[in-house]
C-alpha atoms as a PDB file:
ATOM      1  CA  MET A   1      63.765 112.510 136.490  1.00  0.00           C
ATOM      2  CA  ILE A   2      65.750 113.887 139.064  1.00  0.00           C
ATOM      3  CA  PHE A   3      63.719 114.946 142.573  1.00  0.00           C
ATOM      4  CA  LEU A   4      65.359 117.846 144.516  1.00  0.00           C
ATOM      5  CA  MET A   5      64.813 118.771 147.921  1.00  0.00           C
ATOM      6  CA  PRO A   6      63.893 122.363 148.747  1.00  0.00           C
ATOM      7  CA  THR A   7      65.974 124.717 151.302  1.00  0.00           C
ATOM      8  CA  LEU A   8      64.128 126.717 153.771  1.00  0.00           C
ATOM      9  CA  PHE A   9      64.861 129.794 155.849  1.00  0.00           C
ATOM     10  CA  ILE A  10      63.458 129.515 158.906  1.00  0.00           C
ATOM     11  CA  SER A  11      63.549 131.983 161.294  1.00  0.00           C
ATOM     12  CA  HIS A  12      64.926 131.246 165.535  1.00  0.00           C
ATOM     13  CA  GLY A  13      63.212 134.307 167.791  1.00  0.00           C
ATOM     14  CA  SER A  14      64.347 133.325 171.034  1.00  0.00           C
ATOM     15  CA  PRO A  15      66.195 130.459 173.063  1.00  0.00           C
ATOM     16  CA  MET A  16      62.291 129.732 174.929  1.00  0.00           C
ATOM     17  CA  LEU A  17      61.141 129.185 171.743  1.00  0.00           C
ATOM     18  CA  ALA A  18      61.607 124.761 171.988  1.00  0.00           C
ATOM     19  CA  LEU A  19      59.772 124.681 175.585  1.00  0.00           C
ATOM     20  CA  GLU A  20      57.018 127.842 175.107  1.00  0.00           C
ATOM     21  CA  GLU A  21      53.548 128.239 173.703  1.00  0.00           C
ATOM     22  CA  GLU A  22      53.291 130.089 170.831  1.00  0.00           C
ATOM     23  CA  PRO A  23      52.905 130.795 167.279  1.00  0.00           C
ATOM     24  CA  THR A  24      55.783 129.367 165.474  1.00  0.00           C
ATOM     25  CA  THR A  25      56.310 126.495 168.046  1.00  0.00           C
ATOM     26  CA  ARG A  26      53.783 124.994 166.250  1.00  0.00           C
ATOM     27  CA  PHE A  27      54.370 125.897 162.840  1.00  0.00           C
ATOM     28  CA  LEU A  28      57.534 124.237 163.266  1.00  0.00           C
ATOM     29  CA  ARG A  29      55.930 120.893 164.971  1.00  0.00           C
ATOM     30  CA  SER A  30      53.653 120.841 161.734  1.00  0.00           C
ATOM     31  CA  LEU A  31      56.673 121.612 159.722  1.00  0.00           C
ATOM     32  CA  SER A  32      57.798 118.216 158.657  1.00  0.00           C
ATOM     33  CA  ALA A  33      55.217 116.384 157.874  1.00  0.00           C
ATOM     34  CA  GLN A  34      55.221 119.425 154.268  1.00  0.00           C
ATOM     35  CA  LEU A  35      58.583 118.184 153.190  1.00  0.00           C
ATOM     36  CA  PRO A  36      59.798 115.255 152.274  1.00  0.00           C
ATOM     37  CA  ARG A  37      62.265 113.174 154.623  1.00  0.00           C
ATOM     38  CA  PRO A  38      66.022 114.193 154.217  1.00  0.00           C
ATOM     39  CA  LYS A  39      68.624 111.436 154.321  1.00  0.00           C
ATOM     40  CA  ALA A  40      70.781 114.139 156.115  1.00  0.00           C
ATOM     41  CA  ILE A  41      70.240 118.306 156.962  1.00  0.00           C
ATOM     42  CA  VAL A  42      72.704 120.662 156.398  1.00  0.00           C
ATOM     43  CA  ILE A  43      71.749 124.305 158.676  1.00  0.00           C
ATOM     44  CA  ALA A  44      73.429 127.227 158.098  1.00  0.00           C
ATOM     45  CA  SER A  45      73.013 129.053 161.553  1.00  0.00           C
ATOM     46  CA  ALA A  46      72.898 133.445 162.756  1.00  0.00           C
ATOM     47  CA  HIS A  47      74.853 131.966 166.232  1.00  0.00           C
ATOM     48  CA  TRP A  48      78.451 130.197 164.314  1.00  0.00           C
ATOM     49  CA  GLU A  49      80.734 133.254 163.373  1.00  0.00           C
ATOM     50  CA  THR A  50      84.181 132.454 161.736  1.00  0.00           C
ATOM     51  CA  GLY A  51      86.312 134.477 158.998  1.00  0.00           C
ATOM     52  CA  ASP A  52      85.835 131.472 157.030  1.00  0.00           C
ATOM     53  CA  PRO A  53      83.620 129.196 156.241  1.00  0.00           C
ATOM     54  CA  MET A  54      83.643 125.857 159.445  1.00  0.00           C
ATOM     55  CA  ILE A  55      81.497 123.296 159.061  1.00  0.00           C
ATOM     56  CA  THR A  56      81.454 120.628 162.188  1.00  0.00           C
ATOM     57  CA  GLY A  57      82.833 117.407 161.998  1.00  0.00           C
ATOM     58  CA  SER A  58      81.778 115.695 165.270  1.00  0.00           C
ATOM     59  CA  ALA A  59      79.909 111.806 165.266  1.00  0.00           C
ATOM     60  CA  ASN A  60      77.544 113.113 168.516  1.00  0.00           C
ATOM     61  CA  PRO A  61      78.155 116.929 168.197  1.00  0.00           C
ATOM     62  CA  GLU A  62      76.827 118.173 171.671  1.00  0.00           C
ATOM     63  CA  THR A  63      73.729 120.591 172.192  1.00  0.00           C
ATOM     64  CA  ILE A  64      75.774 123.794 172.982  1.00  0.00           C
ATOM     65  CA  HIS A  65      73.448 126.038 175.226  1.00  0.00           C
ATOM     66  CA  ASP A  66      74.954 129.429 174.284  1.00  0.00           C
ATOM     67  CA  PHE A  67      72.427 131.634 176.300  1.00  0.00           C
ATOM     68  CA  SER A  68      72.298 132.727 179.843  1.00  0.00           C
ATOM     69  CA  SER A  69      69.776 133.763 182.502  1.00  0.00           C
ATOM     70  CA  PHE A  70      66.907 131.295 181.003  1.00  0.00           C
ATOM     71  CA  PRO A  71      64.698 129.319 183.352  1.00  0.00           C
ATOM     72  CA  LYS A  72      66.838 125.493 184.105  1.00  0.00           C
ATOM     73  CA  GLU A  73      64.469 123.784 181.903  1.00  0.00           C
ATOM     74  CA  LEU A  74      66.048 125.296 179.065  1.00  0.00           C
ATOM     75  CA  TYR A  75      69.066 124.293 180.010  1.00  0.00           C
ATOM     76  CA  GLN A  76      68.161 120.320 180.729  1.00  0.00           C
ATOM     77  CA  LEU A  77      67.167 120.266 177.063  1.00  0.00           C
ATOM     78  CA  ARG A  78      69.271 118.153 174.888  1.00  0.00           C
ATOM     79  CA  TYR A  79      69.294 117.361 171.729  1.00  0.00           C
ATOM     80  CA  PRO A  80      71.287 113.850 170.281  1.00  0.00           C
ATOM     81  CA  VAL A  81      71.046 113.887 167.249  1.00  0.00           C
ATOM     82  CA  PRO A  82      74.216 112.573 165.164  1.00  0.00           C
ATOM     83  CA  GLY A  83      76.729 113.267 162.710  1.00  0.00           C
ATOM     84  CA  ASP A  84      78.591 113.130 159.402  1.00  0.00           C
ATOM     85  CA  PRO A  85      82.014 113.141 159.565  1.00  0.00           C
ATOM     86  CA  ALA A  86      81.798 112.042 155.586  1.00  0.00           C
ATOM     87  CA  LEU A  87      79.507 114.233 154.708  1.00  0.00           C
ATOM     88  CA  ALA A  88      81.148 116.924 156.770  1.00  0.00           C
ATOM     89  CA  GLU A  89      84.077 116.195 154.369  1.00  0.00           C
ATOM     90  CA  HIS A  90      81.684 115.722 151.021  1.00  0.00           C
ATOM     91  CA  ILE A  91      80.558 119.407 152.011  1.00  0.00           C
ATOM     92  CA  GLN A  92      84.526 121.123 152.267  1.00  0.00           C
ATOM     93  CA  LEU A  93      85.334 119.614 149.206  1.00  0.00           C
ATOM     94  CA  LEU A  94      82.273 121.419 147.217  1.00  0.00           C
ATOM     95  CA  LEU A  95      83.335 124.311 149.167  1.00  0.00           C
ATOM     96  CA  THR A  96      86.725 124.167 148.104  1.00  0.00           C
ATOM     97  CA  LYS A  97      85.789 123.134 144.873  1.00  0.00           C
ATOM     98  CA  ALA A  98      83.638 126.935 144.606  1.00  0.00           C
ATOM     99  CA  GLY A  99      86.897 128.803 145.578  1.00  0.00           C
ATOM    100  CA  PHE A 100      85.907 129.139 149.618  1.00  0.00           C
ATOM    101  CA  LYS A 101      88.958 128.566 152.396  1.00  0.00           C
ATOM    102  CA  ALA A 102      86.253 125.710 154.226  1.00  0.00           C
ATOM    103  CA  GLY A 103      87.246 124.194 157.299  1.00  0.00           C
ATOM    104  CA  ILE A 104      85.971 121.075 159.659  1.00  0.00           C
ATOM    105  CA  ASP A 105      85.730 121.561 162.794  1.00  0.00           C
ATOM    106  CA  PRO A 106      85.869 118.575 164.835  1.00  0.00           C
ATOM    107  CA  THR A 107      84.661 119.430 168.126  1.00  0.00           C
ATOM    108  CA  ARG A 108      81.887 121.943 167.680  1.00  0.00           C
ATOM    109  CA  GLY A 109      78.108 121.005 168.668  1.00  0.00           C
ATOM    110  CA  LEU A 110      75.140 122.131 167.931  1.00  0.00           C
ATOM    111  CA  ASP A 111      74.087 125.809 168.422  1.00  0.00           C
ATOM    112  CA  HIS A 112      70.603 126.949 169.678  1.00  0.00           C
ATOM    113  CA  GLY A 113      70.153 128.684 165.954  1.00  0.00           C
ATOM    114  CA  ALA A 114      70.193 124.878 165.441  1.00  0.00           C
ATOM    115  CA  TRP A 115      68.974 122.703 167.476  1.00  0.00           C
ATOM    116  CA  ASN A 116      66.104 125.120 168.693  1.00  0.00           C
ATOM    117  CA  PRO A 117      63.569 124.467 165.665  1.00  0.00           C
ATOM    118  CA  LEU A 118      65.549 121.709 164.499  1.00  0.00           C
ATOM    119  CA  LEU A 119      63.762 119.712 168.088  1.00  0.00           C
ATOM    120  CA  LEU A 120      60.301 120.986 167.463  1.00  0.00           C
ATOM    121  CA  MET A 121      60.834 119.495 163.534  1.00  0.00           C
ATOM    122  CA  TYR A 122      62.355 116.544 164.277  1.00  0.00           C
ATOM    123  CA  PRO A 123      62.063 115.700 167.885  1.00  0.00           C
ATOM    124  CA  ALA A 124      63.156 112.118 166.767  1.00  0.00           C
ATOM    125  CA  ALA A 125      66.628 113.073 166.902  1.00  0.00           C
ATOM    126  CA  ASN A 126      67.582 109.991 164.011  1.00  0.00           C
ATOM    127  CA  ILE A 127      68.394 112.490 161.120  1.00  0.00           C
ATOM    128  CA  PRO A 128      72.525 113.528 160.816  1.00  0.00           C
ATOM    129  CA  VAL A 129      72.953 117.141 161.267  1.00  0.00           C
ATOM    130  CA  ILE A 130      75.773 119.096 160.046  1.00  0.00           C
ATOM    131  CA  GLU A 131      76.496 122.977 161.296  1.00  0.00           C
ATOM    132  CA  LEU A 132      77.699 125.495 159.163  1.00  0.00           C
ATOM    133  CA  SER A 133      79.235 128.654 160.306  1.00  0.00           C
ATOM    134  CA  VAL A 134      78.682 132.136 158.703  1.00  0.00           C
ATOM    135  CA  GLN A 135      80.716 135.379 158.083  1.00  0.00           C
ATOM    136  CA  PRO A 136      79.870 138.954 159.363  1.00  0.00           C
ATOM    137  CA  GLU A 137      82.309 140.344 158.408  1.00  0.00           C
ATOM    138  CA  ARG A 138      80.992 138.835 154.488  1.00  0.00           C
ATOM    139  CA  ASP A 139      78.359 139.968 152.858  1.00  0.00           C
ATOM    140  CA  ALA A 140      74.942 138.428 151.183  1.00  0.00           C
ATOM    141  CA  GLN A 141      76.464 137.237 147.920  1.00  0.00           C
ATOM    142  CA  TRP A 142      78.994 136.090 149.337  1.00  0.00           C
ATOM    143  CA  HIS A 143      76.455 133.719 151.922  1.00  0.00           C
ATOM    144  CA  TYR A 144      74.759 133.201 148.574  1.00  0.00           C
ATOM    145  CA  GLN A 145      77.822 131.608 146.694  1.00  0.00           C
ATOM    146  CA  ILE A 146      78.163 129.591 149.997  1.00  0.00           C
ATOM    147  CA  GLY A 147      74.705 128.598 149.143  1.00  0.00           C
ATOM    148  CA  GLN A 148      75.491 127.809 145.630  1.00  0.00           C
ATOM    149  CA  ALA A 149      78.027 125.878 146.354  1.00  0.00           C
ATOM    150  CA  LEU A 150      75.953 123.538 148.254  1.00  0.00           C
ATOM    151  CA  SER A 151      72.785 122.866 145.597  1.00  0.00           C
ATOM    152  CA  PRO A 152      74.201 119.592 144.819  1.00  0.00           C
ATOM    153  CA  LEU A 153      73.346 118.633 147.834  1.00  0.00           C
ATOM    154  CA  ARG A 154      69.370 118.660 146.918  1.00  0.00           C
ATOM    155  CA  GLU A 155      69.601 116.034 144.632  1.00  0.00           C
ATOM    156  CA  GLU A 156      71.286 113.800 147.359  1.00  0.00           C
ATOM    157  CA  GLU A 157      67.643 114.202 149.674  1.00  0.00           C
ATOM    158  CA  VAL A 158      69.824 116.910 152.111  1.00  0.00           C
ATOM    159  CA  LEU A 159      67.925 119.423 153.505  1.00  0.00           C
ATOM    160  CA  VAL A 160      69.640 122.681 153.370  1.00  0.00           C
ATOM    161  CA  ILE A 161      68.335 125.215 155.830  1.00  0.00           C
ATOM    162  CA  GLY A 162      69.536 128.583 156.559  1.00  0.00           C
ATOM    163  CA  THR A 163      68.384 129.734 160.494  1.00  0.00           C
ATOM    164  CA  GLY A 164      68.551 133.516 161.865  1.00  0.00           C
ATOM    165  CA  ASN A 165      65.533 135.825 162.434  1.00  0.00           C
ATOM    166  CA  LEU A 166      63.905 137.791 159.147  1.00  0.00           C
ATOM    167  CA  THR A 167      64.244 140.798 161.531  1.00  0.00           C
ATOM    168  CA  HIS A 168      66.358 141.450 164.463  1.00  0.00           C
ATOM    169  CA  ASN A 169      66.385 144.536 166.688  1.00  0.00           C
ATOM    170  CA  LEU A 170      68.062 142.720 170.006  1.00  0.00           C
ATOM    171  CA  ARG A 171      67.339 145.972 172.085  1.00  0.00           C
ATOM    172  CA  GLU A 172      63.944 146.930 170.660  1.00  0.00           C
ATOM    173  CA  ALA A 173      62.984 143.907 171.312  1.00  0.00           C
ATOM    174  CA  PHE A 174      64.169 143.628 174.734  1.00  0.00           C
ATOM    175  CA  ARG A 175      62.636 147.210 175.769  1.00  0.00           C
ATOM    176  CA  GLY A 176      59.338 145.646 175.451  1.00  0.00           C
ATOM    177  CA  HIS A 177      57.278 148.796 174.534  1.00  0.00           C
ATOM    178  CA  HIS A 178      56.364 147.522 171.307  1.00  0.00           C
ATOM    179  CA  VAL A 179      52.066 146.566 172.138  1.00  0.00           C
ATOM    180  CA  GLN A 180      52.141 146.664 168.111  1.00  0.00           C
ATOM    181  CA  THR A 181      54.318 145.671 165.518  1.00  0.00           C
ATOM    182  CA  PRO A 182      56.044 149.398 163.841  1.00  0.00           C
ATOM    183  CA  SER A 183      55.651 149.864 160.628  1.00  0.00           C
ATOM    184  CA  TRP A 184      59.763 149.817 160.244  1.00  0.00           C
ATOM    185  CA  VAL A 185      59.405 146.113 160.788  1.00  0.00           C
ATOM    186  CA  SER A 186      56.598 145.590 159.072  1.00  0.00           C
ATOM    187  CA  VAL A 187      57.945 147.455 156.176  1.00  0.00           C
ATOM    188  CA  PHE A 188      61.063 145.727 155.883  1.00  0.00           C
ATOM    189  CA  ALA A 189      59.654 142.220 155.989  1.00  0.00           C
ATOM    190  CA  ARG A 190      57.160 143.059 153.519  1.00  0.00           C
ATOM    191  CA  TRP A 191      60.324 144.313 150.471  1.00  0.00           C
ATOM    192  CA  VAL A 192      61.479 140.822 151.787  1.00  0.00           C
ATOM    193  CA  ALA A 193      58.537 139.319 151.044  1.00  0.00           C
ATOM    194  CA  ASP A 194      58.076 141.048 148.056  1.00  0.00           C
ATOM    195  CA  LYS A 195      61.763 140.636 146.605  1.00  0.00           C
ATOM    196  CA  VAL A 196      62.280 136.602 147.236  1.00  0.00           C
ATOM    197  CA  GLU A 197      58.433 135.879 145.594  1.00  0.00           C
ATOM    198  CA  LYS A 198      59.036 137.949 142.139  1.00  0.00           C
ATOM    199  CA  ASN A 199      62.668 135.755 142.163  1.00  0.00           C
ATOM    200  CA  ASP A 200      64.231 139.684 142.557  1.00  0.00           C
ATOM    201  CA  THR A 201      68.001 138.184 143.859  1.00  0.00           C
ATOM    202  CA  GLU A 202      69.277 140.915 142.451  1.00  0.00           C
ATOM    203  CA  SER A 203      67.662 143.248 145.135  1.00  0.00           C
ATOM    204  CA  LEU A 204      68.322 141.153 147.809  1.00  0.00           C
ATOM    205  CA  LEU A 205      71.511 140.626 147.571  1.00  0.00           C
ATOM    206  CA  ASN A 206      71.753 144.584 148.069  1.00  0.00           C
ATOM    207  CA  TRP A 207      69.465 144.950 150.587  1.00  0.00           C
ATOM    208  CA  LYS A 208      71.573 147.181 152.963  1.00  0.00           C
ATOM    209  CA  HIS A 209      71.603 149.584 150.552  1.00  0.00           C
ATOM    210  CA  LEU A 210      67.895 148.723 148.913  1.00  0.00           C
ATOM    211  CA  ALA A 211      65.562 147.761 151.754  1.00  0.00           C
ATOM    212  CA  PRO A 212      63.634 150.175 154.248  1.00  0.00           C
ATOM    213  CA  HIS A 213      64.858 150.348 157.618  1.00  0.00           C
ATOM    214  CA  ALA A 214      67.373 147.703 156.571  1.00  0.00           C
ATOM    215  CA  ARG A 215      69.984 148.844 159.835  1.00  0.00           C
ATOM    216  CA  GLU A 216      66.567 149.947 162.128  1.00  0.00           C
ATOM    217  CA  ASN A 217      65.845 145.389 161.812  1.00  0.00           C
ATOM    218  CA  HIS A 218      69.290 144.536 161.916  1.00  0.00           C
ATOM    219  CA  PRO A 219      71.794 146.449 163.149  1.00  0.00           C
ATOM    220  CA  THR A 220      74.409 143.445 162.924  1.00  0.00           C
ATOM    221  CA  PRO A 221      74.179 141.262 159.764  1.00  0.00           C
ATOM    222  CA  GLU A 222      74.901 138.362 161.367  1.00  0.00           C
ATOM    223  CA  HIS A 223      70.440 137.107 161.419  1.00  0.00           C
ATOM    224  CA  PHE A 224      69.729 137.402 158.036  1.00  0.00           C
ATOM    225  CA  LEU A 225      72.682 136.128 156.341  1.00  0.00           C
ATOM    226  CA  PRO A 226      72.021 132.456 156.404  1.00  0.00           C
ATOM    227  CA  LEU A 227      68.220 133.478 154.359  1.00  0.00           C
ATOM    228  CA  PHE A 228      71.521 133.871 151.205  1.00  0.00           C
ATOM    229  CA  VAL A 229      72.480 130.546 152.266  1.00  0.00           C
ATOM    230  CA  ALA A 230      69.122 128.919 151.552  1.00  0.00           C
ATOM    231  CA  LEU A 231      68.439 130.960 148.713  1.00  0.00           C
ATOM    232  CA  GLY A 232      71.827 130.172 146.915  1.00  0.00           C
ATOM    233  CA  ALA A 233      71.292 126.634 147.417  1.00  0.00           C
ATOM    234  CA  ALA A 234      68.166 126.755 145.745  1.00  0.00           C
ATOM    235  CA  GLU A 235      69.653 128.524 142.609  1.00  0.00           C
ATOM    236  CA  ASN A 236      66.671 128.911 139.619  1.00  0.00           C
ATOM    237  CA  VAL A 237      64.273 127.523 142.417  1.00  0.00           C
ATOM    238  CA  SER A 238      60.727 129.350 140.665  1.00  0.00           C
ATOM    239  CA  GLN A 239      58.690 127.803 144.393  1.00  0.00           C
ATOM    240  CA  VAL A 240      58.343 130.328 146.642  1.00  0.00           C
ATOM    241  CA  LYS A 241      56.202 129.915 149.690  1.00  0.00           C
ATOM    242  CA  ARG A 242      56.449 132.456 152.905  1.00  0.00           C
ATOM    243  CA  LEU A 243      55.283 129.477 155.497  1.00  0.00           C
ATOM    244  CA  ASN A 244      54.802 132.301 158.480  1.00  0.00           C
ATOM    245  CA  VAL A 245      54.012 135.046 159.416  1.00  0.00           C
ATOM    246  CA  GLU A 246      54.301 135.659 163.327  1.00  0.00           C
ATOM    247  CA  MET A 247      55.929 139.146 165.206  1.00  0.00           C
ATOM    248  CA  ALA A 248      57.785 137.746 168.473  1.00  0.00           C
ATOM    249  CA  MET A 249      58.430 140.201 171.081  1.00  0.00           C
ATOM    250  CA  GLY A 250      56.594 143.090 168.746  1.00  0.00           C
ATOM    251  CA  VAL A 251      59.895 143.964 166.453  1.00  0.00           C
ATOM    252  CA  LEU A 252      61.508 139.997 165.594  1.00  0.00           C
ATOM    253  CA  ALA A 253      59.421 138.867 162.041  1.00  0.00           C
ATOM    254  CA  MET A 254      59.069 135.065 162.803  1.00  0.00           C
ATOM    255  CA  ASP A 255      58.584 134.595 158.913  1.00  0.00           C
ATOM    256  CA  VAL A 256      60.113 131.176 157.404  1.00  0.00           C
ATOM    257  CA  TYR A 257      59.810 130.423 153.492  1.00  0.00           C
ATOM    258  CA  ALA A 258      60.705 127.586 151.533  1.00  0.00           C
ATOM    259  CA  PHE A 259      62.365 127.669 148.239  1.00  0.00           C
ATOM    260  CA  GLY A 260      61.253 124.045 146.617  1.00  0.00           C
ATOM    261  CA  LYS A 261      58.501 122.347 145.638  1.00  0.00           C
ATOM    262  CA  ILE A 262      56.437 121.933 149.581  1.00  0.00           C
ATOM    263  CA  GLY A 263      53.204 120.335 151.554  1.00  0.00           C
ATOM    264  CA  ASN A 264      51.098 118.524 148.870  1.00  0.00           C
ATOM    265  CA  ASP A 265      53.436 118.872 146.253  1.00  0.00           C
ATOM    266  CA  LYS A 266      54.601 115.216 144.647  1.00  0.00           C
ATOM    267  CA  PHE A 267      58.036 114.590 144.993  1.00  0.00           C
ATOM    268  CA  TYR A 268      60.299 112.935 143.126  1.00  0.00           C
ATOM    269  CA  HIS A 269      63.671 110.488 142.639  1.00  0.00           C
ATOM    270  CA  SER A 270      64.434 108.355 139.396  1.00  0.00           C
ATOM    271  CA  GLY A 271      60.330 109.047 138.628  1.00  0.00           C
ATOM    272  CA  LYS A 272      59.369 107.260 142.038  1.00  0.00           C
ATOM    273  CA  LYS A 273      57.422 109.843 144.244  1.00  0.00           C
ATOM    274  CA  ILE A 274      59.162 109.432 147.663  1.00  0.00           C
ATOM    275  CA  SER A 275      56.645 109.723 150.722  1.00  0.00           C
ATOM    276  CA  PRO A 276      56.954 113.084 153.084  1.00  0.00           C
END
């Protein structure tokens, strides 16, 4: 029996996630216990935008503090995780074979979309991490196909993650007047949950036209596109779990999805159980 690593979509929220005590912080700290331990992590981040797919190739990626006007304690955080140049080349080959013009950036570090959730999930920083860029000028289908190209990594015990936010209207978030979550946020989140749980990939790929309040929740698409990388990498997976249903700043849905077996499910490779 071939072991297949699950894939994840993680809403990473504010850079303060790593410092503040909130439900999503506590959830992410517990998440790794529900997963088989990966040999490496490939994470598509909403905070790295390029024209064509790019991959980090550094053996020791730096921690990028790609934000401003936050407390100094946040800038002191480091996530000294190793990279994996050989894996980066392997990913480039997978993407090239799938028809993508993929490149490797030998100096790029990890932005907060990547290191913020991983710092909580894997604080020991001892699992190699490769970051993958998104292409906001391309559509959901493009990113789904990127995920499909990365699907073989699941057999190699590599964890594929998309990190963005299920909803991401920062203008509304920073206005700070939402005591209760507006219906245009909750209705969109429920629509996504329904389509994901029904494996209605066709509707999800056409989200801009079919999802209620799509424009209000994503004035720009970069924070939603990583979902499709995770979804594509988990092609034909029937097990889907919506793991985290929280709200930040009134309008930022912090949903986390797992595609594949997790939790108390058994993880097998060649007939042998792998400890989570």
